[in-house]
Amino acid sequence: MPADAKGKVFALLDEMRIPYQVTHHPAVYTIEDMENLEMEHIDRVMKNLFVRDDKKRNYYLLTIPKDKHANMKEVQDKIGSRRLSLANEDDLGKYLGLNKGEVTPFGALNDLDNAVTIIMDNALKEYEFIGVHPNDNTATVWISPDDLIKVLKSVNHKVLFISV
């Protein structure tokens, strides 16, 4: 597999024969940056939050539609966690091998210890396809939620679904 972050994702998708499309774009760091690109299908872009509990024992990657707000108290109650807050950039690099602005479920490919739990909003099940970064914030991969889950399971990550 290629050493670069995007290439690793594309190689795995190709190897698994998973259909996807890619939109290349300038680096983006926020949902607002994405909206400023005026891309087609912007309504299908996902917001990804890397969070941790207050003891730094459990880490979660939360994937929700870009226009939703994640109430951390509600999320922690639904998953039975201690108080949740955003994890810092050092932890993002340590656990998912990503930098600020690159947060994506594909980061699970870098989480060889399966230390991060992937949580997706139930609303994703309603989408034919969604947009997430391929471990690099200069592109967006358009993929079906079911196929994304297949990829995550292929690297031994389970996915929890909750209503956010």
C-alpha atoms as a PDB file:
ATOM      1  CA  MET A   1       0.000   0.000   0.000  1.00  0.00           C
ATOM      2  CA  PRO A   2       1.210   3.535  -0.645  1.00  0.00           C
ATOM      3  CA  ALA A   3       2.819   5.312   2.290  1.00  0.00           C
ATOM      4  CA  ASP A   4       0.833   8.538   1.893  1.00  0.00           C
ATOM      5  CA  ALA A   5      -2.368   8.940   3.888  1.00  0.00           C
ATOM      6  CA  LYS A   6      -4.756   9.367   0.967  1.00  0.00           C
ATOM      7  CA  GLY A   7      -3.113   6.625  -1.049  1.00  0.00           C
ATOM      8  CA  LYS A   8      -3.509   4.143   1.787  1.00  0.00           C
ATOM      9  CA  VAL A   9      -7.256   4.819   1.941  1.00  0.00           C
ATOM     10  CA  PHE A  10      -7.718   4.629  -1.840  1.00  0.00           C
ATOM     11  CA  ALA A  11      -5.676   1.416  -2.071  1.00  0.00           C
ATOM     12  CA  LEU A  12      -7.817  -0.258   0.596  1.00  0.00           C
ATOM     13  CA  LEU A  13     -11.058   0.877  -1.050  1.00  0.00           C
ATOM     14  CA  ASP A  14      -9.809  -0.451  -4.392  1.00  0.00           C
ATOM     15  CA  GLU A  15      -8.622  -3.711  -2.829  1.00  0.00           C
ATOM     16  CA  MET A  16     -12.035  -4.199  -1.213  1.00  0.00           C
ATOM     17  CA  ARG A  17     -13.754  -3.230  -4.508  1.00  0.00           C
ATOM     18  CA  ILE A  18     -15.738  -0.525  -2.776  1.00  0.00           C
ATOM     19  CA  PRO A  19     -17.170   2.142  -5.085  1.00  0.00           C
ATOM     20  CA  TYR A  20     -16.293   5.723  -4.222  1.00  0.00           C
ATOM     21  CA  GLN A  21     -15.701   9.097  -5.795  1.00  0.00           C
ATOM     22  CA  VAL A  22     -13.155  11.727  -4.831  1.00  0.00           C
ATOM     23  CA  THR A  23     -13.267  15.507  -4.898  1.00  0.00           C
ATOM     24  CA  HIS A  24      -9.836  17.136  -4.571  1.00  0.00           C
ATOM     25  CA  HIS A  25      -9.795  20.629  -3.072  1.00  0.00           C
ATOM     26  CA  PRO A  26      -7.592  23.066  -1.126  1.00  0.00           C
ATOM     27  CA  ALA A  27      -6.896  22.139   2.491  1.00  0.00           C
ATOM     28  CA  VAL A  28      -9.895  22.717   4.763  1.00  0.00           C
ATOM     29  CA  TYR A  29      -9.951  22.759   8.537  1.00  0.00           C
ATOM     30  CA  THR A  30     -13.591  23.374   9.426  1.00  0.00           C
ATOM     31  CA  ILE A  31     -17.092  22.749   8.111  1.00  0.00           C
ATOM     32  CA  GLU A  32     -17.196  26.458   7.222  1.00  0.00           C
ATOM     33  CA  ASP A  33     -14.102  25.972   5.047  1.00  0.00           C
ATOM     34  CA  MET A  34     -15.875  23.081   3.306  1.00  0.00           C
ATOM     35  CA  GLU A  35     -18.995  25.178   2.702  1.00  0.00           C
ATOM     36  CA  ASN A  36     -16.883  27.945   1.175  1.00  0.00           C
ATOM     37  CA  LEU A  37     -15.694  25.499  -1.507  1.00  0.00           C
ATOM     38  CA  GLU A  38     -19.231  25.416  -2.920  1.00  0.00           C
ATOM     39  CA  MET A  39     -18.904  21.703  -3.695  1.00  0.00           C
ATOM     40  CA  GLU A  40     -21.709  19.629  -5.083  1.00  0.00           C
ATOM     41  CA  HIS A  41     -23.313  17.417  -2.386  1.00  0.00           C
ATOM     42  CA  ILE A  42     -22.112  19.694   0.439  1.00  0.00           C
ATOM     43  CA  ASP A  43     -25.234  18.635   2.360  1.00  0.00           C
ATOM     44  CA  ARG A  44     -23.737  15.125   2.617  1.00  0.00           C
ATOM     45  CA  VAL A  45     -20.448  16.188   4.205  1.00  0.00           C
ATOM     46  CA  MET A  46     -19.979  14.769   7.683  1.00  0.00           C
ATOM     47  CA  LYS A  47     -18.661  16.512  10.783  1.00  0.00           C
ATOM     48  CA  ASN A  48     -16.143  14.402  12.717  1.00  0.00           C
ATOM     49  CA  LEU A  49     -15.276  15.064  16.347  1.00  0.00           C
ATOM     50  CA  PHE A  50     -12.462  13.328  18.205  1.00  0.00           C
ATOM     51  CA  VAL A  51     -13.409  13.247  21.883  1.00  0.00           C
ATOM     52  CA  ARG A  52     -12.177  11.673  25.099  1.00  0.00           C
ATOM     53  CA  ASP A  53     -13.460  11.054  28.591  1.00  0.00           C
ATOM     54  CA  ASP A  54     -12.263  13.202  31.500  1.00  0.00           C
ATOM     55  CA  LYS A  55      -9.735  10.561  32.627  1.00  0.00           C
ATOM     56  CA  LYS A  56      -8.221  10.197  29.124  1.00  0.00           C
ATOM     57  CA  ARG A  57      -8.974   6.469  29.242  1.00  0.00           C
ATOM     58  CA  ASN A  58     -11.508   6.235  26.420  1.00  0.00           C
ATOM     59  CA  TYR A  59     -11.399   7.929  23.039  1.00  0.00           C
ATOM     60  CA  TYR A  60     -14.211   8.219  20.518  1.00  0.00           C
ATOM     61  CA  LEU A  61     -14.594   9.452  16.980  1.00  0.00           C
ATOM     62  CA  LEU A  62     -18.077  10.857  16.477  1.00  0.00           C
ATOM     63  CA  THR A  63     -19.399  11.194  12.909  1.00  0.00           C
ATOM     64  CA  ILE A  64     -22.545  13.266  12.394  1.00  0.00           C
ATOM     65  CA  PRO A  65     -24.148  15.283   9.565  1.00  0.00           C
ATOM     66  CA  LYS A  66     -22.413  18.642   9.230  1.00  0.00           C
ATOM     67  CA  ASP A  67     -25.429  20.665  10.335  1.00  0.00           C
ATOM     68  CA  LYS A  68     -26.001  18.763  13.577  1.00  0.00           C
ATOM     69  CA  HIS A  69     -24.737  19.856  16.971  1.00  0.00           C
ATOM     70  CA  ALA A  70     -23.397  17.152  19.279  1.00  0.00           C
ATOM     71  CA  ASN A  71     -24.494  17.639  22.868  1.00  0.00           C
ATOM     72  CA  MET A  72     -21.625  15.919  24.710  1.00  0.00           C
ATOM     73  CA  LYS A  73     -23.747  15.297  27.820  1.00  0.00           C
ATOM     74  CA  GLU A  74     -26.342  13.433  25.738  1.00  0.00           C
ATOM     75  CA  VAL A  75     -23.650  11.477  23.881  1.00  0.00           C
ATOM     76  CA  GLN A  76     -21.925  10.425  27.112  1.00  0.00           C
ATOM     77  CA  ASP A  77     -25.247   9.320  28.591  1.00  0.00           C
ATOM     78  CA  LYS A  78     -26.090   7.246  25.504  1.00  0.00           C
ATOM     79  CA  ILE A  79     -22.736   5.453  25.446  1.00  0.00           C
ATOM     80  CA  GLY A  80     -22.327   5.170  29.228  1.00  0.00           C
ATOM     81  CA  SER A  81     -19.189   7.294  29.371  1.00  0.00           C
ATOM     82  CA  ARG A  82     -17.654   9.647  31.868  1.00  0.00           C
ATOM     83  CA  ARG A  83     -17.716  13.374  30.958  1.00  0.00           C
ATOM     84  CA  LEU A  84     -16.662  13.915  27.340  1.00  0.00           C
ATOM     85  CA  SER A  85     -14.723  16.760  25.778  1.00  0.00           C
ATOM     86  CA  LEU A  86     -12.725  17.340  22.614  1.00  0.00           C
ATOM     87  CA  ALA A  87      -9.380  15.557  22.597  1.00  0.00           C
ATOM     88  CA  ASN A  88      -6.261  17.582  21.882  1.00  0.00           C
ATOM     89  CA  GLU A  89      -4.183  17.541  18.710  1.00  0.00           C
ATOM     90  CA  ASP A  90      -1.427  15.442  20.335  1.00  0.00           C
ATOM     91  CA  ASP A  91      -3.946  12.687  21.109  1.00  0.00           C
ATOM     92  CA  LEU A  92      -5.349  12.954  17.591  1.00  0.00           C
ATOM     93  CA  GLY A  93      -1.893  12.235  16.200  1.00  0.00           C
ATOM     94  CA  LYS A  94      -1.139   9.518  18.745  1.00  0.00           C
ATOM     95  CA  TYR A  95      -4.358   7.525  18.323  1.00  0.00           C
ATOM     96  CA  LEU A  96      -5.464   8.210  14.742  1.00  0.00           C
ATOM     97  CA  GLY A  97      -2.290   9.449  13.061  1.00  0.00           C
ATOM     98  CA  LEU A  98      -4.108  12.590  11.955  1.00  0.00           C
ATOM     99  CA  ASN A  99      -3.611  16.335  12.188  1.00  0.00           C
ATOM    100  CA  LYS A 100      -6.109  19.090  12.943  1.00  0.00           C
ATOM    101  CA  GLY A 101      -8.612  19.363  10.105  1.00  0.00           C
ATOM    102  CA  GLU A 102      -8.115  15.758   8.959  1.00  0.00           C
ATOM    103  CA  VAL A 103     -10.457  14.027  11.425  1.00  0.00           C
ATOM    104  CA  THR A 104     -12.288  11.202   9.668  1.00  0.00           C
ATOM    105  CA  PRO A 105     -13.515   7.669  10.315  1.00  0.00           C
ATOM    106  CA  PHE A 106     -10.730   6.511   7.973  1.00  0.00           C
ATOM    107  CA  GLY A 107      -8.358   7.400  10.830  1.00  0.00           C
ATOM    108  CA  ALA A 108      -9.280   3.934  12.142  1.00  0.00           C
ATOM    109  CA  LEU A 109      -6.821   2.557   9.555  1.00  0.00           C
ATOM    110  CA  ASN A 110      -4.058   4.111  11.677  1.00  0.00           C
ATOM    111  CA  ASP A 111      -5.481   2.905  15.017  1.00  0.00           C
ATOM    112  CA  LEU A 112      -3.744  -0.482  15.107  1.00  0.00           C
ATOM    113  CA  ASP A 113      -4.561  -0.993  18.798  1.00  0.00           C
ATOM    114  CA  ASN A 114      -8.287  -0.320  18.280  1.00  0.00           C
ATOM    115  CA  ALA A 115      -8.106   2.251  21.059  1.00  0.00           C
ATOM    116  CA  VAL A 116     -10.744   4.518  19.514  1.00  0.00           C
ATOM    117  CA  THR A 117     -14.447   3.672  19.369  1.00  0.00           C
ATOM    118  CA  ILE A 118     -16.232   4.905  16.244  1.00  0.00           C
ATOM    119  CA  ILE A 119     -19.678   6.373  16.916  1.00  0.00           C
ATOM    120  CA  MET A 120     -22.001   7.356  14.074  1.00  0.00           C
ATOM    121  CA  ASP A 121     -25.276   9.196  14.192  1.00  0.00           C
ATOM    122  CA  ASN A 122     -28.269   7.067  13.202  1.00  0.00           C
ATOM    123  CA  ALA A 123     -29.077   9.718  10.588  1.00  0.00           C
ATOM    124  CA  LEU A 124     -26.199   8.416   8.437  1.00  0.00           C
ATOM    125  CA  LYS A 125     -28.247   5.308   7.658  1.00  0.00           C
ATOM    126  CA  GLU A 126     -30.611   7.538   5.659  1.00  0.00           C
ATOM    127  CA  TYR A 127     -27.908   8.766   3.257  1.00  0.00           C
ATOM    128  CA  GLU A 128     -27.142   7.058  -0.051  1.00  0.00           C
ATOM    129  CA  PHE A 129     -23.584   8.394   0.257  1.00  0.00           C
ATOM    130  CA  ILE A 130     -21.616  10.673   2.564  1.00  0.00           C
ATOM    131  CA  GLY A 131     -18.459  12.777   2.303  1.00  0.00           C
ATOM    132  CA  VAL A 132     -15.456  12.291   4.585  1.00  0.00           C
ATOM    133  CA  HIS A 133     -11.746  13.043   4.288  1.00  0.00           C
ATOM    134  CA  PRO A 134      -9.378  10.238   3.235  1.00  0.00           C
ATOM    135  CA  ASN A 135      -6.979  10.920   6.159  1.00  0.00           C
ATOM    136  CA  ASP A 136      -6.001  14.156   4.438  1.00  0.00           C
ATOM    137  CA  ASN A 137      -7.930  17.431   4.338  1.00  0.00           C
ATOM    138  CA  THR A 138      -7.219  18.145   0.659  1.00  0.00           C
ATOM    139  CA  ALA A 139      -9.846  15.712  -0.607  1.00  0.00           C
ATOM    140  CA  THR A 140     -13.300  14.378   0.179  1.00  0.00           C
ATOM    141  CA  VAL A 141     -14.296  10.769  -0.460  1.00  0.00           C
ATOM    142  CA  TRP A 142     -17.928  10.111  -1.328  1.00  0.00           C
ATOM    143  CA  ILE A 143     -18.891   6.648  -0.087  1.00  0.00           C
ATOM    144  CA  SER A 144     -22.009   4.842   1.106  1.00  0.00           C
ATOM    145  CA  PRO A 145     -22.304   4.588   4.889  1.00  0.00           C
ATOM    146  CA  ASP A 146     -22.601   0.778   4.574  1.00  0.00           C
ATOM    147  CA  ASP A 147     -19.348   0.613   2.627  1.00  0.00           C
ATOM    148  CA  LEU A 148     -17.607   2.862   5.136  1.00  0.00           C
ATOM    149  CA  ILE A 149     -18.684   0.473   7.887  1.00  0.00           C
ATOM    150  CA  LYS A 150     -17.295  -2.459   5.869  1.00  0.00           C
ATOM    151  CA  VAL A 151     -13.934  -0.663   5.730  1.00  0.00           C
ATOM    152  CA  LEU A 152     -13.961   0.013   9.473  1.00  0.00           C
ATOM    153  CA  LYS A 153     -14.835  -3.608  10.229  1.00  0.00           C
ATOM    154  CA  SER A 154     -12.024  -4.760   7.920  1.00  0.00           C
ATOM    155  CA  VAL A 155      -9.563  -3.117  10.329  1.00  0.00           C
ATOM    156  CA  ASN A 156     -11.320  -4.620  13.352  1.00  0.00           C
ATOM    157  CA  HIS A 157     -13.212  -1.529  14.457  1.00  0.00           C
ATOM    158  CA  LYS A 158     -16.781  -1.786  15.588  1.00  0.00           C
ATOM    159  CA  VAL A 159     -19.186   1.049  14.987  1.00  0.00           C
ATOM    160  CA  LEU A 160     -21.755   2.206  17.523  1.00  0.00           C
ATOM    161  CA  PHE A 161     -24.871   3.971  16.252  1.00  0.00           C
ATOM    162  CA  ILE A 162     -26.707   6.481  18.413  1.00  0.00           C
ATOM    163  CA  SER A 163     -29.136   9.322  17.776  1.00  0.00           C
ATOM    164  CA  VAL A 164     -27.347  12.630  18.203  1.00  0.00           C
END
